[in-house]
């Protein structure tokens, strides 16, 4: 086990999760995701795309703290207390994206036997990525990692 794996396991034991940040590339927006939440709280991991690392880290920690306290977040329901002034929702990530996006989770769970919720938010005008008026740029920052 290397120092990064040891750090991840230490964070999971101490905080209930470890958060990874992946830099933007030509074909992918930057994204952040958790590992360990399902192991410690029996709730899905979370992925946040298109937001800066500081905000994404805060969201992942907020989600982790709330599920540790017993809150359950359901796909396709709207929540008004994650981003000030905006509703958000979650979509269940399709396992077809696990190999591409969740290398560390695949390592932790020794395969793809875990669930992930994608954190979905509207643009500053209140447009959701599935709305016809959503810009191509906005849709790029929120790739559709879910089936429906």
C-alpha atoms as a PDB file:
ATOM      1  CA  UNK A   1       0.000   0.000   0.000  1.00  0.00           C
ATOM      2  CA  UNK A   2       1.411   3.387  -0.961  1.00  0.00           C
ATOM      3  CA  UNK A   3       1.190   6.684   0.955  1.00  0.00           C
ATOM      4  CA  UNK A   4      -1.834   7.892  -1.050  1.00  0.00           C
ATOM      5  CA  UNK A   5      -3.819   4.740  -0.321  1.00  0.00           C
ATOM      6  CA  UNK A   6      -2.857   4.995   3.350  1.00  0.00           C
ATOM      7  CA  UNK A   7      -4.013   8.642   3.417  1.00  0.00           C
ATOM      8  CA  UNK A   8      -7.338   7.702   1.793  1.00  0.00           C
ATOM      9  CA  UNK A   9      -7.973   4.949   4.339  1.00  0.00           C
ATOM     10  CA  UNK A  10      -6.977   7.246   7.219  1.00  0.00           C
ATOM     11  CA  UNK A  11      -9.395   9.958   6.011  1.00  0.00           C
ATOM     12  CA  UNK A  12     -12.208   7.415   5.656  1.00  0.00           C
ATOM     13  CA  UNK A  13     -11.613   6.189   9.200  1.00  0.00           C
ATOM     14  CA  UNK A  14     -11.344   9.719  10.632  1.00  0.00           C
ATOM     15  CA  UNK A  15     -13.942  11.634   8.577  1.00  0.00           C
ATOM     16  CA  UNK A  16     -16.099   8.976   6.921  1.00  0.00           C
ATOM     17  CA  UNK A  17     -14.756   9.689   3.440  1.00  0.00           C
ATOM     18  CA  UNK A  18     -11.832  10.783   1.312  1.00  0.00           C
ATOM     19  CA  UNK A  19     -12.385  13.341  -1.456  1.00  0.00           C
ATOM     20  CA  UNK A  20     -10.520  13.263  -4.750  1.00  0.00           C
ATOM     21  CA  UNK A  21     -10.190  16.149  -7.197  1.00  0.00           C
ATOM     22  CA  UNK A  22      -9.577  15.459 -10.867  1.00  0.00           C
ATOM     23  CA  UNK A  23      -8.273  18.287 -13.037  1.00  0.00           C
ATOM     24  CA  UNK A  24     -10.101  19.398 -16.183  1.00  0.00           C
ATOM     25  CA  UNK A  25      -8.903  17.836 -19.428  1.00  0.00           C
ATOM     26  CA  UNK A  26      -9.800  18.466 -23.058  1.00  0.00           C
ATOM     27  CA  UNK A  27     -12.693  16.025 -23.045  1.00  0.00           C
ATOM     28  CA  UNK A  28     -13.748  16.209 -19.371  1.00  0.00           C
ATOM     29  CA  UNK A  29     -14.586  19.014 -16.952  1.00  0.00           C
ATOM     30  CA  UNK A  30     -12.854  19.003 -13.603  1.00  0.00           C
ATOM     31  CA  UNK A  31     -14.662  16.910 -11.045  1.00  0.00           C
ATOM     32  CA  UNK A  32     -14.508  15.804  -7.439  1.00  0.00           C
ATOM     33  CA  UNK A  33     -15.812  12.640  -5.871  1.00  0.00           C
ATOM     34  CA  UNK A  34     -15.933  10.846  -2.567  1.00  0.00           C
ATOM     35  CA  UNK A  35     -14.825   7.397  -1.558  1.00  0.00           C
ATOM     36  CA  UNK A  36     -15.778   5.724   1.701  1.00  0.00           C
ATOM     37  CA  UNK A  37     -19.252   7.165   2.315  1.00  0.00           C
ATOM     38  CA  UNK A  38     -20.976   3.945   1.304  1.00  0.00           C
ATOM     39  CA  UNK A  39     -18.548   1.996   3.496  1.00  0.00           C
ATOM     40  CA  UNK A  40     -19.108   4.190   6.580  1.00  0.00           C
ATOM     41  CA  UNK A  41     -22.720   5.404   6.155  1.00  0.00           C
ATOM     42  CA  UNK A  42     -24.295   2.886   3.750  1.00  0.00           C
ATOM     43  CA  UNK A  43     -25.231   5.763   1.440  1.00  0.00           C
ATOM     44  CA  UNK A  44     -24.007   6.427  -2.116  1.00  0.00           C
ATOM     45  CA  UNK A  45     -20.786   8.226  -2.924  1.00  0.00           C
ATOM     46  CA  UNK A  46     -21.081  11.668  -4.568  1.00  0.00           C
ATOM     47  CA  UNK A  47     -19.572  13.233  -7.689  1.00  0.00           C
ATOM     48  CA  UNK A  48     -19.565  16.980  -8.350  1.00  0.00           C
ATOM     49  CA  UNK A  49     -18.596  18.242 -11.813  1.00  0.00           C
ATOM     50  CA  UNK A  50     -17.916  21.714 -13.156  1.00  0.00           C
ATOM     51  CA  UNK A  51     -17.390  23.551  -9.870  1.00  0.00           C
ATOM     52  CA  UNK A  52     -14.089  24.704  -8.425  1.00  0.00           C
ATOM     53  CA  UNK A  53     -12.346  22.345  -6.023  1.00  0.00           C
ATOM     54  CA  UNK A  54     -13.028  24.411  -2.916  1.00  0.00           C
ATOM     55  CA  UNK A  55     -16.797  24.508  -3.537  1.00  0.00           C
ATOM     56  CA  UNK A  56     -16.904  20.855  -4.619  1.00  0.00           C
ATOM     57  CA  UNK A  57     -14.958  19.821  -1.510  1.00  0.00           C
ATOM     58  CA  UNK A  58     -17.397  21.722   0.699  1.00  0.00           C
ATOM     59  CA  UNK A  59     -20.385  20.071  -1.035  1.00  0.00           C
ATOM     60  CA  UNK A  60     -18.896  16.582  -0.658  1.00  0.00           C
ATOM     61  CA  UNK A  61     -18.179  17.202   3.037  1.00  0.00           C
ATOM     62  CA  UNK A  62     -21.651  18.651   3.598  1.00  0.00           C
ATOM     63  CA  UNK A  63     -23.212  15.611   1.912  1.00  0.00           C
ATOM     64  CA  UNK A  64     -21.022  13.276   3.998  1.00  0.00           C
ATOM     65  CA  UNK A  65     -21.884  15.057   7.259  1.00  0.00           C
ATOM     66  CA  UNK A  66     -25.579  14.970   6.483  1.00  0.00           C
ATOM     67  CA  UNK A  67     -25.683  11.273   5.566  1.00  0.00           C
ATOM     68  CA  UNK A  68     -23.635  10.485   8.702  1.00  0.00           C
ATOM     69  CA  UNK A  69     -26.391  12.284  10.643  1.00  0.00           C
ATOM     70  CA  UNK A  70     -28.991  10.005   9.019  1.00  0.00           C
ATOM     71  CA  UNK A  71     -30.278  12.128   6.143  1.00  0.00           C
ATOM     72  CA  UNK A  72     -31.065  10.199   2.964  1.00  0.00           C
ATOM     73  CA  UNK A  73     -30.827  11.893  -0.426  1.00  0.00           C
ATOM     74  CA  UNK A  74     -32.974  10.458  -3.184  1.00  0.00           C
ATOM     75  CA  UNK A  75     -32.404  10.792  -6.922  1.00  0.00           C
ATOM     76  CA  UNK A  76     -34.731  13.218  -8.723  1.00  0.00           C
ATOM     77  CA  UNK A  77     -35.827  15.019  -5.561  1.00  0.00           C
ATOM     78  CA  UNK A  78     -34.941  18.687  -5.176  1.00  0.00           C
ATOM     79  CA  UNK A  79     -33.036  20.170  -2.245  1.00  0.00           C
ATOM     80  CA  UNK A  80     -32.742  23.885  -1.507  1.00  0.00           C
ATOM     81  CA  UNK A  81     -29.985  24.011   1.096  1.00  0.00           C
ATOM     82  CA  UNK A  82     -26.761  23.013  -0.677  1.00  0.00           C
ATOM     83  CA  UNK A  83     -26.175  26.045  -2.925  1.00  0.00           C
ATOM     84  CA  UNK A  84     -27.488  29.341  -1.642  1.00  0.00           C
ATOM     85  CA  UNK A  85     -30.298  30.608  -3.849  1.00  0.00           C
ATOM     86  CA  UNK A  86     -30.565  27.460  -5.997  1.00  0.00           C
ATOM     87  CA  UNK A  87     -32.258  24.110  -5.818  1.00  0.00           C
ATOM     88  CA  UNK A  88     -30.127  21.081  -6.620  1.00  0.00           C
ATOM     89  CA  UNK A  89     -30.938  17.465  -7.334  1.00  0.00           C
ATOM     90  CA  UNK A  90     -29.140  14.156  -7.555  1.00  0.00           C
ATOM     91  CA  UNK A  91     -29.065  11.532 -10.289  1.00  0.00           C
ATOM     92  CA  UNK A  92     -27.822   7.974  -9.798  1.00  0.00           C
ATOM     93  CA  UNK A  93     -24.664   7.460 -11.856  1.00  0.00           C
ATOM     94  CA  UNK A  94     -24.829   4.598 -14.332  1.00  0.00           C
ATOM     95  CA  UNK A  95     -22.201   1.875 -13.674  1.00  0.00           C
ATOM     96  CA  UNK A  96     -21.008   2.231 -17.286  1.00  0.00           C
ATOM     97  CA  UNK A  97     -19.089   5.348 -16.106  1.00  0.00           C
ATOM     98  CA  UNK A  98     -17.434   3.739 -13.074  1.00  0.00           C
ATOM     99  CA  UNK A  99     -14.222   2.640 -14.796  1.00  0.00           C
ATOM    100  CA  UNK A 100     -13.769   6.044 -16.450  1.00  0.00           C
ATOM    101  CA  UNK A 101     -14.558   8.296 -13.476  1.00  0.00           C
ATOM    102  CA  UNK A 102     -14.133   6.338 -10.241  1.00  0.00           C
ATOM    103  CA  UNK A 103     -10.745   4.623 -10.230  1.00  0.00           C
ATOM    104  CA  UNK A 104     -10.188   5.096  -6.513  1.00  0.00           C
ATOM    105  CA  UNK A 105     -13.698   3.894  -5.655  1.00  0.00           C
ATOM    106  CA  UNK A 106     -13.121   0.805  -7.791  1.00  0.00           C
ATOM    107  CA  UNK A 107      -9.918   0.276  -5.768  1.00  0.00           C
ATOM    108  CA  UNK A 108     -11.617   0.775  -2.382  1.00  0.00           C
ATOM    109  CA  UNK A 109     -14.611  -1.444  -3.141  1.00  0.00           C
ATOM    110  CA  UNK A 110     -12.532  -3.947  -5.139  1.00  0.00           C
ATOM    111  CA  UNK A 111     -14.769  -3.535  -8.177  1.00  0.00           C
ATOM    112  CA  UNK A 112     -17.912  -1.623  -9.013  1.00  0.00           C
ATOM    113  CA  UNK A 113     -20.073  -2.790  -6.121  1.00  0.00           C
ATOM    114  CA  UNK A 114     -21.016   0.725  -4.965  1.00  0.00           C
ATOM    115  CA  UNK A 115     -23.435   3.509  -5.883  1.00  0.00           C
ATOM    116  CA  UNK A 116     -22.745   7.140  -6.755  1.00  0.00           C
ATOM    117  CA  UNK A 117     -25.041  10.158  -6.923  1.00  0.00           C
ATOM    118  CA  UNK A 118     -24.241  12.959  -9.347  1.00  0.00           C
ATOM    119  CA  UNK A 119     -24.774  16.422  -7.859  1.00  0.00           C
ATOM    120  CA  UNK A 120     -26.838  18.395 -10.414  1.00  0.00           C
ATOM    121  CA  UNK A 121     -27.381  22.140 -10.267  1.00  0.00           C
ATOM    122  CA  UNK A 122     -28.918  24.772 -12.574  1.00  0.00           C
ATOM    123  CA  UNK A 123     -27.015  27.598 -14.221  1.00  0.00           C
ATOM    124  CA  UNK A 124     -27.256  31.093 -12.725  1.00  0.00           C
ATOM    125  CA  UNK A 125     -30.479  31.697 -14.701  1.00  0.00           C
ATOM    126  CA  UNK A 126     -32.116  28.614 -13.195  1.00  0.00           C
ATOM    127  CA  UNK A 127     -31.747  26.510 -16.355  1.00  0.00           C
ATOM    128  CA  UNK A 128     -31.120  22.797 -15.778  1.00  0.00           C
ATOM    129  CA  UNK A 129     -28.717  20.856 -18.023  1.00  0.00           C
ATOM    130  CA  UNK A 130     -31.607  18.859 -19.531  1.00  0.00           C
ATOM    131  CA  UNK A 131     -33.589  21.997 -20.458  1.00  0.00           C
ATOM    132  CA  UNK A 132     -33.656  22.835 -24.160  1.00  0.00           C
ATOM    133  CA  UNK A 133     -32.284  26.331 -23.480  1.00  0.00           C
ATOM    134  CA  UNK A 134     -29.211  24.975 -21.622  1.00  0.00           C
ATOM    135  CA  UNK A 135     -26.021  26.062 -23.370  1.00  0.00           C
ATOM    136  CA  UNK A 136     -23.574  23.522 -24.784  1.00  0.00           C
ATOM    137  CA  UNK A 137     -20.902  24.954 -22.469  1.00  0.00           C
ATOM    138  CA  UNK A 138     -23.078  24.407 -19.384  1.00  0.00           C
ATOM    139  CA  UNK A 139     -23.912  20.856 -20.499  1.00  0.00           C
ATOM    140  CA  UNK A 140     -20.186  20.168 -20.920  1.00  0.00           C
ATOM    141  CA  UNK A 141     -19.588  21.095 -17.268  1.00  0.00           C
ATOM    142  CA  UNK A 142     -22.378  18.735 -16.185  1.00  0.00           C
ATOM    143  CA  UNK A 143     -21.894  15.589 -18.291  1.00  0.00           C
ATOM    144  CA  UNK A 144     -24.814  13.192 -18.194  1.00  0.00           C
ATOM    145  CA  UNK A 145     -23.459  10.294 -16.130  1.00  0.00           C
ATOM    146  CA  UNK A 146     -26.927   8.917 -15.399  1.00  0.00           C
ATOM    147  CA  UNK A 147     -29.354   6.768 -17.367  1.00  0.00           C
ATOM    148  CA  UNK A 148     -32.517   8.884 -17.104  1.00  0.00           C
END
